[in-house]
PDB file of all heavy atoms in Angstrom:
ATOM      1  N   SER A   1      71.076 -88.804-113.890  1.00  0.00           N
ATOM      2  CA  SER A   1      72.313 -88.290-114.446  1.00  0.00           C
ATOM      3  C   SER A   1      71.990 -87.064-115.280  1.00  0.00           C
ATOM      4  O   SER A   1      70.832 -86.770-115.552  1.00  0.00           O
ATOM      5  CB  SER A   1      73.033 -89.358-115.287  1.00  0.00           C
ATOM      6  OG  SER A   1      72.236 -89.761-116.384  1.00  0.00           O
ATOM      7  N   ARG A   2      73.034 -86.365-115.689  1.00  0.00           N
ATOM      8  CA  ARG A   2      72.801 -85.173-116.495  1.00  0.00           C
ATOM      9  C   ARG A   2      73.969 -84.938-117.437  1.00  0.00           C
ATOM     10  O   ARG A   2      75.109 -85.308-117.153  1.00  0.00           O
ATOM     11  CB  ARG A   2      72.565 -83.947-115.609  1.00  0.00           C
ATOM     12  CG  ARG A   2      73.760 -83.521-114.767  1.00  0.00           C
ATOM     13  CD  ARG A   2      73.343 -82.496-113.707  1.00  0.00           C
ATOM     14  NE  ARG A   2      72.831 -81.274-114.311  1.00  0.00           N
ATOM     15  CZ  ARG A   2      72.069 -80.380-113.682  1.00  0.00           C
ATOM     16  NH1 ARG A   2      71.711 -80.594-112.416  1.00  0.00           N
ATOM     17  NH2 ARG A   2      71.665 -79.286-114.310  1.00  0.00           N
ATOM     18  N   ASP A   3      73.657 -84.301-118.546  1.00  0.00           N
ATOM     19  CA  ASP A   3      74.652 -83.884-119.516  1.00  0.00           C
ATOM     20  C   ASP A   3      74.374 -82.418-119.799  1.00  0.00           C
ATOM     21  O   ASP A   3      73.511 -82.081-120.610  1.00  0.00           O
ATOM     22  CB  ASP A   3      74.574 -84.720-120.786  1.00  0.00           C
ATOM     23  CG  ASP A   3      75.691 -84.407-121.762  1.00  0.00           C
ATOM     24  OD1 ASP A   3      76.293 -83.324-121.673  1.00  0.00           O
ATOM     25  OD2 ASP A   3      75.970 -85.263-122.635  1.00  0.00           O
ATOM     26  N   ASN A   4      75.087 -81.556-119.115  1.00  0.00           N
ATOM     27  CA  ASN A   4      74.823 -80.129-119.240  1.00  0.00           C
ATOM     28  C   ASN A   4      75.116 -79.602-120.644  1.00  0.00           C
ATOM     29  O   ASN A   4      74.491 -78.642-121.091  1.00  0.00           O
ATOM     30  CB  ASN A   4      75.630 -79.353-118.208  1.00  0.00           C
ATOM     31  CG  ASN A   4      75.117 -79.548-116.794  1.00  0.00           C
ATOM     32  OD1 ASN A   4      74.017 -80.064-116.589  1.00  0.00           O
ATOM     33  ND2 ASN A   4      75.901 -79.136-115.811  1.00  0.00           N
ATOM     34  N   ASN A   5      76.064 -80.210-121.329  1.00  0.00           N
ATOM     35  CA  ASN A   5      76.375 -79.782-122.691  1.00  0.00           C
ATOM     36  C   ASN A   5      75.226 -80.048-123.653  1.00  0.00           C
ATOM     37  O   ASN A   5      75.098 -79.363-124.666  1.00  0.00           O
ATOM     38  CB  ASN A   5      77.644 -80.459-123.190  1.00  0.00           C
ATOM     39  CG  ASN A   5      78.881 -79.976-122.471  1.00  0.00           C
ATOM     40  OD1 ASN A   5      78.960 -78.828-122.046  1.00  0.00           O
ATOM     41  ND2 ASN A   5      79.870 -80.845-122.341  1.00  0.00           N
ATOM     42  N   LYS A   6      74.410 -81.039-123.346  1.00  0.00           N
ATOM     43  CA  LYS A   6      73.251 -81.358-124.164  1.00  0.00           C
ATOM     44  C   LYS A   6      71.959 -80.825-123.573  1.00  0.00           C
ATOM     45  O   LYS A   6      70.883 -81.088-124.107  1.00  0.00           O
ATOM     46  CB  LYS A   6      73.141 -82.866-124.360  1.00  0.00           C
ATOM     47  CG  LYS A   6      74.303 -83.481-125.130  1.00  0.00           C
ATOM     48  CD  LYS A   6      74.113 -84.971-125.307  1.00  0.00           C
ATOM     49  CE  LYS A   6      75.252 -85.574-126.108  1.00  0.00           C
ATOM     50  NZ  LYS A   6      75.094 -87.042-126.283  1.00  0.00           N
ATOM     51  N   ASN A   7      72.066 -80.115-122.468  1.00  0.00           N
ATOM     52  CA  ASN A   7      70.893 -79.572-121.787  1.00  0.00           C
ATOM     53  C   ASN A   7      69.864 -80.663-121.471  1.00  0.00           C
ATOM     54  O   ASN A   7      68.656 -80.452-121.580  1.00  0.00           O
ATOM     55  CB  ASN A   7      70.241 -78.463-122.613  1.00  0.00           C
ATOM     56  CG  ASN A   7      70.992 -77.148-122.523  1.00  0.00           C
ATOM     57  OD1 ASN A   7      71.922 -76.996-121.735  1.00  0.00           O
ATOM     58  ND2 ASN A   7      70.585 -76.183-123.336  1.00  0.00           N
ATOM     59  N   THR A   8      70.356 -81.810-121.055  1.00  0.00           N
ATOM     60  CA  THR A   8      69.486 -82.956-120.854  1.00  0.00           C
ATOM     61  C   THR A   8      69.769 -83.632-119.525  1.00  0.00           C
ATOM     62  O   THR A   8      70.926 -83.814-119.139  1.00  0.00           O
ATOM     63  CB  THR A   8      69.649 -83.970-121.991  1.00  0.00           C
ATOM     64  OG1 THR A   8      69.372 -83.324-123.241  1.00  0.00           O
ATOM     65  CG2 THR A   8      68.693 -85.130-121.817  1.00  0.00           C
ATOM     66  N   VAL A   9      68.700 -84.009-118.851  1.00  0.00           N
ATOM     67  CA  VAL A   9      68.755 -84.778-117.619  1.00  0.00           C
ATOM     68  C   VAL A   9      68.078 -86.113-117.872  1.00  0.00           C
ATOM     69  O   VAL A   9      67.088 -86.190-118.615  1.00  0.00           O
ATOM     70  CB  VAL A   9      68.068 -84.027-116.464  1.00  0.00           C
ATOM     71  CG1 VAL A   9      68.154 -84.819-115.175  1.00  0.00           C
ATOM     72  CG2 VAL A   9      68.701 -82.659-116.276  1.00  0.00           C
ATOM     73  N   TYR A  10      68.587 -87.156-117.250  1.00  0.00           N
ATOM     74  CA  TYR A  10      68.078 -88.500-117.479  1.00  0.00           C
ATOM     75  C   TYR A  10      67.662 -89.148-116.167  1.00  0.00           C
ATOM     76  O   TYR A  10      68.196 -88.852-115.101  1.00  0.00           O
ATOM     77  CB  TYR A  10      69.139 -89.380-118.133  1.00  0.00           C
ATOM     78  CG  TYR A  10      69.704 -88.814-119.407  1.00  0.00           C
ATOM     79  CD1 TYR A  10      70.881 -88.072-119.395  1.00  0.00           C
ATOM     80  CD2 TYR A  10      69.063 -89.020-120.622  1.00  0.00           C
ATOM     81  CE1 TYR A  10      71.400 -87.553-120.564  1.00  0.00           C
ATOM     82  CE2 TYR A  10      69.583 -88.501-121.796  1.00  0.00           C
ATOM     83  CZ  TYR A  10      70.752 -87.765-121.761  1.00  0.00           C
ATOM     84  OH  TYR A  10      71.261 -87.251-122.925  1.00  0.00           O
ATOM     85  N   LEU A  11      66.719 -90.052-116.277  1.00  0.00           N
ATOM     86  CA  LEU A  11      66.360 -90.918-115.169  1.00  0.00           C
ATOM     87  C   LEU A  11      66.301 -92.344-115.700  1.00  0.00           C
ATOM     88  O   LEU A  11      65.382 -92.699-116.437  1.00  0.00           O
ATOM     89  CB  LEU A  11      65.023 -90.524-114.546  1.00  0.00           C
ATOM     90  CG  LEU A  11      64.607 -91.351-113.329  1.00  0.00           C
ATOM     91  CD1 LEU A  11      65.563 -91.098-112.161  1.00  0.00           C
ATOM     92  CD2 LEU A  11      63.178 -91.039-112.913  1.00  0.00           C
ATOM     93  N   GLN A  12      67.299 -93.134-115.346  1.00  0.00           N
ATOM     94  CA  GLN A  12      67.320 -94.538-115.711  1.00  0.00           C
ATOM     95  C   GLN A  12      66.542 -95.319-114.665  1.00  0.00           C
ATOM     96  O   GLN A  12      66.858 -95.250-113.473  1.00  0.00           O
ATOM     97  CB  GLN A  12      68.753 -95.054-115.791  1.00  0.00           C
ATOM     98  CG  GLN A  12      68.867 -96.526-116.157  1.00  0.00           C
ATOM     99  CD  GLN A  12      68.415 -96.819-117.555  1.00  0.00           C
ATOM    100  OE1 GLN A  12      68.778 -96.100-118.488  1.00  0.00           O
ATOM    101  NE2 GLN A  12      67.620 -97.865-117.728  1.00  0.00           N
ATOM    102  N   MET A  13      65.533 -96.043-115.093  1.00  0.00           N
ATOM    103  CA  MET A  13      64.663 -96.780-114.197  1.00  0.00           C
ATOM    104  C   MET A  13      64.774 -98.262-114.523  1.00  0.00           C
ATOM    105  O   MET A  13      64.394 -98.690-115.618  1.00  0.00           O
ATOM    106  CB  MET A  13      63.215 -96.304-114.325  1.00  0.00           C
ATOM    107  CG  MET A  13      63.048 -94.800-114.116  1.00  0.00           C
ATOM    108  SD  MET A  13      61.316 -94.279-114.106  1.00  0.00           S
ATOM    109  CE  MET A  13      60.861 -94.677-115.802  1.00  0.00           C
ATOM    110  N   ASN A  14      65.286 -99.025-113.583  1.00  0.00           N
ATOM    111  CA  ASN A  14      65.466-100.458-113.747  1.00  0.00           C
ATOM    112  C   ASN A  14      64.574-101.221-112.779  1.00  0.00           C
ATOM    113  O   ASN A  14      64.153-100.693-111.754  1.00  0.00           O
ATOM    114  CB  ASN A  14      66.924-100.841-113.519  1.00  0.00           C
ATOM    115  CG  ASN A  14      67.872-100.199-114.498  1.00  0.00           C
ATOM    116  OD1 ASN A  14      67.557-100.047-115.680  1.00  0.00           O
ATOM    117  ND2 ASN A  14      69.064 -99.832-114.025  1.00  0.00           N
ATOM    118  N   ASN A  15      64.336-102.471-113.107  1.00  0.00           N
ATOM    119  CA  ASN A  15      63.520-103.344-112.259  1.00  0.00           C
ATOM    120  C   ASN A  15      62.217-102.656-111.871  1.00  0.00           C
ATOM    121  O   ASN A  15      61.842-102.594-110.700  1.00  0.00           O
ATOM    122  CB  ASN A  15      64.307-103.762-111.020  1.00  0.00           C
ATOM    123  CG  ASN A  15      63.635-104.873-110.244  1.00  0.00           C
ATOM    124  OD1 ASN A  15      62.849-105.649-110.797  1.00  0.00           O
ATOM    125  ND2 ASN A  15      63.932-104.963-108.951  1.00  0.00           N
ATOM    126  N   LEU A  16      61.528-102.169-112.859  1.00  0.00           N
ATOM    127  CA  LEU A  16      60.302-101.422-112.608  1.00  0.00           C
ATOM    128  C   LEU A  16      59.229-102.296-111.992  1.00  0.00           C
ATOM    129  O   LEU A  16      59.115-103.488-112.294  1.00  0.00           O
ATOM    130  CB  LEU A  16      59.796-100.799-113.902  1.00  0.00           C
ATOM    131  CG  LEU A  16      60.580 -99.565-114.353  1.00  0.00           C
ATOM    132  CD1 LEU A  16      60.351 -99.284-115.825  1.00  0.00           C
ATOM    133  CD2 LEU A  16      60.176 -98.358-113.512  1.00  0.00           C
ATOM    134  N   LYS A  17      58.437-101.670-111.134  1.00  0.00           N
ATOM    135  CA  LYS A  17      57.358-102.333-110.430  1.00  0.00           C
ATOM    136  C   LYS A  17      56.042-101.640-110.754  1.00  0.00           C
ATOM    137  O   LYS A  17      56.031-100.458-111.101  1.00  0.00           O
ATOM    138  CB  LYS A  17      57.604-102.291-108.921  1.00  0.00           C
ATOM    139  CG  LYS A  17      58.917-102.917-108.482  1.00  0.00           C
ATOM    140  CD  LYS A  17      59.132-102.760-106.987  1.00  0.00           C
ATOM    141  CE  LYS A  17      60.438-103.382-106.549  1.00  0.00           C
ATOM    142  NZ  LYS A  17      60.658-103.238-105.089  1.00  0.00           N
ATOM    143  N   PRO A  18      54.919-102.345-110.626  1.00  0.00           N
ATOM    144  CA  PRO A  18      53.631-101.699-110.901  1.00  0.00           C
ATOM    145  C   PRO A  18      53.406-100.428-110.093  1.00  0.00           C
ATOM    146  O   PRO A  18      52.778 -99.487-110.594  1.00  0.00           O
ATOM    147  CB  PRO A  18      52.612-102.784-110.526  1.00  0.00           C
ATOM    148  CG  PRO A  18      53.341-104.060-110.788  1.00  0.00           C
ATOM    149  CD  PRO A  18      54.772-103.782-110.377  1.00  0.00           C
ATOM    150  N   GLU A  19      53.917-100.367-108.883  1.00  0.00           N
ATOM    151  CA  GLU A  19      53.742 -99.180-108.072  1.00  0.00           C
ATOM    152  C   GLU A  19      54.552 -97.986-108.565  1.00  0.00           C
ATOM    153  O   GLU A  19      54.395 -96.872-108.053  1.00  0.00           O
ATOM    154  CB  GLU A  19      54.081 -99.466-106.598  1.00  0.00           C
ATOM    155  CG  GLU A  19      55.439-100.109-106.396  1.00  0.00           C
ATOM    156  CD  GLU A  19      55.352-101.622-106.250  1.00  0.00           C
ATOM    157  OE1 GLU A  19      54.594-102.247-107.011  1.00  0.00           O
ATOM    158  OE2 GLU A  19      56.039-102.169-105.357  1.00  0.00           O
ATOM    159  N   ASP A  20      55.408 -98.193-109.557  1.00  0.00           N
ATOM    160  CA  ASP A  20      56.114 -97.088-110.187  1.00  0.00           C
ATOM    161  C   ASP A  20      55.265 -96.369-111.221  1.00  0.00           C
ATOM    162  O   ASP A  20      55.685 -95.338-111.756  1.00  0.00           O
ATOM    163  CB  ASP A  20      57.396 -97.576-110.858  1.00  0.00           C
ATOM    164  CG  ASP A  20      58.408 -98.115-109.866  1.00  0.00           C
ATOM    165  OD1 ASP A  20      58.564 -97.514-108.783  1.00  0.00           O
ATOM    166  OD2 ASP A  20      59.051 -99.133-110.180  1.00  0.00           O
ATOM    167  N   THR A  21      54.107 -96.892-111.513  1.00  0.00           N
ATOM    168  CA  THR A  21      53.225 -96.305-112.513  1.00  0.00           C
ATOM    169  C   THR A  21      52.825 -94.889-112.124  1.00  0.00           C
ATOM    170  O   THR A  21      52.489 -94.618-110.966  1.00  0.00           O
ATOM    171  CB  THR A  21      51.975 -97.173-112.694  1.00  0.00           C
ATOM    172  OG1 THR A  21      52.352 -98.427-113.271  1.00  0.00           O
ATOM    173  CG2 THR A  21      50.957 -96.500-113.602  1.00  0.00           C
ATOM    174  N   GLY A  22      52.856 -93.999-113.084  1.00  0.00           N
ATOM    175  CA  GLY A  22      52.449 -92.633-112.846  1.00  0.00           C
ATOM    176  C   GLY A  22      52.985 -91.713-113.917  1.00  0.00           C
ATOM    177  O   GLY A  22      53.673 -92.145-114.845  1.00  0.00           O
ATOM    178  N   VAL A  23      52.662 -90.453-113.794  1.00  0.00           N
ATOM    179  CA  VAL A  23      53.211 -89.438-114.673  1.00  0.00           C
ATOM    180  C   VAL A  23      54.476 -88.882-114.030  1.00  0.00           C
ATOM    181  O   VAL A  23      54.451 -88.457-112.869  1.00  0.00           O
ATOM    182  CB  VAL A  23      52.206 -88.306-114.936  1.00  0.00           C
ATOM    183  CG1 VAL A  23      52.820 -87.227-115.810  1.00  0.00           C
ATOM    184  CG2 VAL A  23      50.949 -88.865-115.592  1.00  0.00           C
ATOM    185  N   TYR A  24      55.553 -88.902-114.775  1.00  0.00           N
ATOM    186  CA  TYR A  24      56.840 -88.449-114.274  1.00  0.00           C
ATOM    187  C   TYR A  24      57.148 -87.059-114.803  1.00  0.00           C
ATOM    188  O   TYR A  24      57.016 -86.784-115.999  1.00  0.00           O
ATOM    189  CB  TYR A  24      57.945 -89.421-114.676  1.00  0.00           C
ATOM    190  CG  TYR A  24      57.952 -90.669-113.840  1.00  0.00           C
ATOM    191  CD1 TYR A  24      56.936 -91.620-113.959  1.00  0.00           C
ATOM    192  CD2 TYR A  24      58.970 -90.909-112.912  1.00  0.00           C
ATOM    193  CE1 TYR A  24      56.926 -92.759-113.176  1.00  0.00           C
ATOM    194  CE2 TYR A  24      58.973 -92.048-112.132  1.00  0.00           C
ATOM    195  CZ  TYR A  24      57.950 -92.969-112.262  1.00  0.00           C
ATOM    196  OH  TYR A  24      57.952 -94.108-111.487  1.00  0.00           O
ATOM    197  N   TYR A  25      57.564 -86.194-113.905  1.00  0.00           N
ATOM    198  CA  TYR A  25      57.871 -84.812-114.230  1.00  0.00           C
ATOM    199  C   TYR A  25      59.319 -84.500-113.890  1.00  0.00           C
ATOM    200  O   TYR A  25      59.832 -84.955-112.866  1.00  0.00           O
ATOM    201  CB  TYR A  25      56.989 -83.851-113.427  1.00  0.00           C
ATOM    202  CG  TYR A  25      55.507 -84.029-113.623  1.00  0.00           C
ATOM    203  CD1 TYR A  25      54.784 -84.937-112.862  1.00  0.00           C
ATOM    204  CD2 TYR A  25      54.821 -83.264-114.562  1.00  0.00           C
ATOM    205  CE1 TYR A  25      53.421 -85.092-113.027  1.00  0.00           C
ATOM    206  CE2 TYR A  25      53.463 -83.409-114.735  1.00  0.00           C
ATOM    207  CZ  TYR A  25      52.766 -84.325-113.961  1.00  0.00           C
ATOM    208  OH  TYR A  25      51.410 -84.467-114.128  1.00  0.00           O
ATOM    209  N   CYS A  26      59.960 -83.711-114.723  1.00  0.00           N
ATOM    210  CA  CYS A  26      61.232 -83.144-114.333  1.00  0.00           C
ATOM    211  C   CYS A  26      61.020 -81.696-113.938  1.00  0.00           C
ATOM    212  O   CYS A  26      60.067 -81.039-114.370  1.00  0.00           O
ATOM    213  CB  CYS A  26      62.292 -83.272-115.435  1.00  0.00           C
ATOM    214  SG  CYS A  26      61.983 -82.321-116.931  1.00  0.00           S
ATOM    215  N   ALA A  27      61.899 -81.203-113.091  1.00  0.00           N
ATOM    216  CA  ALA A  27      61.769 -79.861-112.563  1.00  0.00           C
ATOM    217  C   ALA A  27      63.148 -79.267-112.342  1.00  0.00           C
ATOM    218  O   ALA A  27      64.122 -79.992-112.108  1.00  0.00           O
ATOM    219  CB  ALA A  27      60.984 -79.875-111.250  1.00  0.00           C
ATOM    220  N   ALA A  28      63.223 -77.947-112.409  1.00  0.00           N
ATOM    221  CA  ALA A  28      64.476 -77.225-112.249  1.00  0.00           C
ATOM    222  C   ALA A  28      64.380 -76.272-111.074  1.00  0.00           C
ATOM    223  O   ALA A  28      63.370 -75.587-110.902  1.00  0.00           O
ATOM    224  CB  ALA A  28      64.824 -76.463-113.528  1.00  0.00           C
ATOM    225  N   GLU A  29      65.444 -76.219-110.298  1.00  0.00           N
ATOM    226  CA  GLU A  29      65.505 -75.362-109.117  1.00  0.00           C
ATOM    227  C   GLU A  29      66.804 -74.568-109.169  1.00  0.00           C
ATOM    228  O   GLU A  29      67.874 -75.138-109.375  1.00  0.00           O
ATOM    229  CB  GLU A  29      65.433 -76.215-107.858  1.00  0.00           C
ATOM    230  CG  GLU A  29      64.944 -75.497-106.616  1.00  0.00           C
ATOM    231  CD  GLU A  29      66.060 -74.751-105.929  1.00  0.00           C
ATOM    232  OE1 GLU A  29      67.185 -75.297-105.858  1.00  0.00           O
ATOM    233  OE2 GLU A  29      65.821 -73.620-105.472  1.00  0.00           O
ATOM    234  N   ALA A  30      66.711 -73.274-108.958  1.00  0.00           N
ATOM    235  CA  ALA A  30      67.826 -72.372-109.233  1.00  0.00           C
ATOM    236  C   ALA A  30      68.799 -72.199-108.081  1.00  0.00           C
ATOM    237  O   ALA A  30      69.830 -71.552-108.260  1.00  0.00           O
ATOM    238  CB  ALA A  30      67.296 -70.999-109.653  1.00  0.00           C
ATOM    239  N   ILE A  31      68.510 -72.740-106.917  1.00  0.00           N
ATOM    240  CA  ILE A  31      69.366 -72.495-105.765  1.00  0.00           C
ATOM    241  C   ILE A  31      70.179 -73.730-105.386  1.00  0.00           C
ATOM    242  O   ILE A  31      71.403 -73.701-105.362  1.00  0.00           O
ATOM    243  CB  ILE A  31      68.543 -72.002-104.558  1.00  0.00           C
ATOM    244  CG1 ILE A  31      67.854 -70.680-104.907  1.00  0.00           C
ATOM    245  CG2 ILE A  31      69.438 -71.841-103.337  1.00  0.00           C
ATOM    246  CD1 ILE A  31      66.946 -70.160-103.815  1.00  0.00           C
ATOM    247  N   ALA A  32      69.469 -74.819-105.072  1.00  0.00           N
ATOM    248  CA  ALA A  32      70.159 -76.014-104.610  1.00  0.00           C
ATOM    249  C   ALA A  32      69.235 -77.213-104.738  1.00  0.00           C
ATOM    250  O   ALA A  32      68.013 -77.074-104.825  1.00  0.00           O
ATOM    251  CB  ALA A  32      70.622 -75.851-103.163  1.00  0.00           C
ATOM    252  N   LEU A  33      69.822 -78.385-104.715  1.00  0.00           N
ATOM    253  CA  LEU A  33      69.060 -79.615-104.793  1.00  0.00           C
ATOM    254  C   LEU A  33      68.138 -79.742-103.589  1.00  0.00           C
ATOM    255  O   LEU A  33      68.557 -79.589-102.445  1.00  0.00           O
ATOM    256  CB  LEU A  33      70.008 -80.807-104.855  1.00  0.00           C
ATOM    257  CG  LEU A  33      69.382 -82.197-104.870  1.00  0.00           C
ATOM    258  CD1 LEU A  33      68.473 -82.360-106.076  1.00  0.00           C
ATOM    259  CD2 LEU A  33      70.471 -83.258-104.859  1.00  0.00           C
ATOM    260  N   THR A  34      66.874 -80.026-103.869  1.00  0.00           N
ATOM    261  CA  THR A  34      65.881 -80.164-102.828  1.00  0.00           C
ATOM    262  C   THR A  34      64.897 -81.259-103.213  1.00  0.00           C
ATOM    263  O   THR A  34      64.728 -81.570-104.395  1.00  0.00           O
ATOM    264  CB  THR A  34      65.133 -78.840-102.598  1.00  0.00           C
ATOM    265  OG1 THR A  34      64.121 -79.009-101.611  1.00  0.00           O
ATOM    266  CG2 THR A  34      64.483 -78.345-103.890  1.00  0.00           C
ATOM    267  N   THR A  35      64.262 -81.827-102.201  1.00  0.00           N
ATOM    268  CA  THR A  35      63.241 -82.847-102.434  1.00  0.00           C
ATOM    269  C   THR A  35      61.832 -82.265-102.396  1.00  0.00           C
ATOM    270  O   THR A  35      60.867 -82.991-102.617  1.00  0.00           O
ATOM    271  CB  THR A  35      63.349 -83.965-101.391  1.00  0.00           C
ATOM    272  OG1 THR A  35      63.101 -83.437-100.083  1.00  0.00           O
ATOM    273  CG2 THR A  35      64.734 -84.604-101.427  1.00  0.00           C
ATOM    274  N   ARG A  36      61.712 -80.988-102.132  1.00  0.00           N
ATOM    275  CA  ARG A  36      60.406 -80.368-101.978  1.00  0.00           C
ATOM    276  C   ARG A  36      59.923 -79.809-103.312  1.00  0.00           C
ATOM    277  O   ARG A  36      60.545 -78.921-103.884  1.00  0.00           O
ATOM    278  CB  ARG A  36      60.466 -79.254-100.942  1.00  0.00           C
ATOM    279  CG  ARG A  36      60.831 -79.737 -99.546  1.00  0.00           C
ATOM    280  CD  ARG A  36      60.877 -78.588 -98.566  1.00  0.00           C
ATOM    281  NE  ARG A  36      61.175 -79.025 -97.218  1.00  0.00           N
ATOM    282  CZ  ARG A  36      61.271 -78.224 -96.174  1.00  0.00           C
ATOM    283  NH1 ARG A  36      61.088 -76.923 -96.326  1.00  0.00           N
ATOM    284  NH2 ARG A  36      61.557 -78.731 -94.989  1.00  0.00           N
ATOM    285  N   ALA A  37      58.795 -80.297-103.769  1.00  0.00           N
ATOM    286  CA  ALA A  37      58.252 -79.853-105.042  1.00  0.00           C
ATOM    287  C   ALA A  37      57.963 -78.360-105.051  1.00  0.00           C
ATOM    288  O   ALA A  37      58.135 -77.700-106.077  1.00  0.00           O
ATOM    289  CB  ALA A  37      56.980 -80.639-105.373  1.00  0.00           C
TER     290      ALA A  37
END
């Protein structure tokens, strides 16, 4: 989710599993939503 007025993006993670372990990064893209890093 996102709140543009607060300049903040969120990722709510529920029912976490051990395989979810890792370093999580947020990223911004100026054209359109994409899955490619």
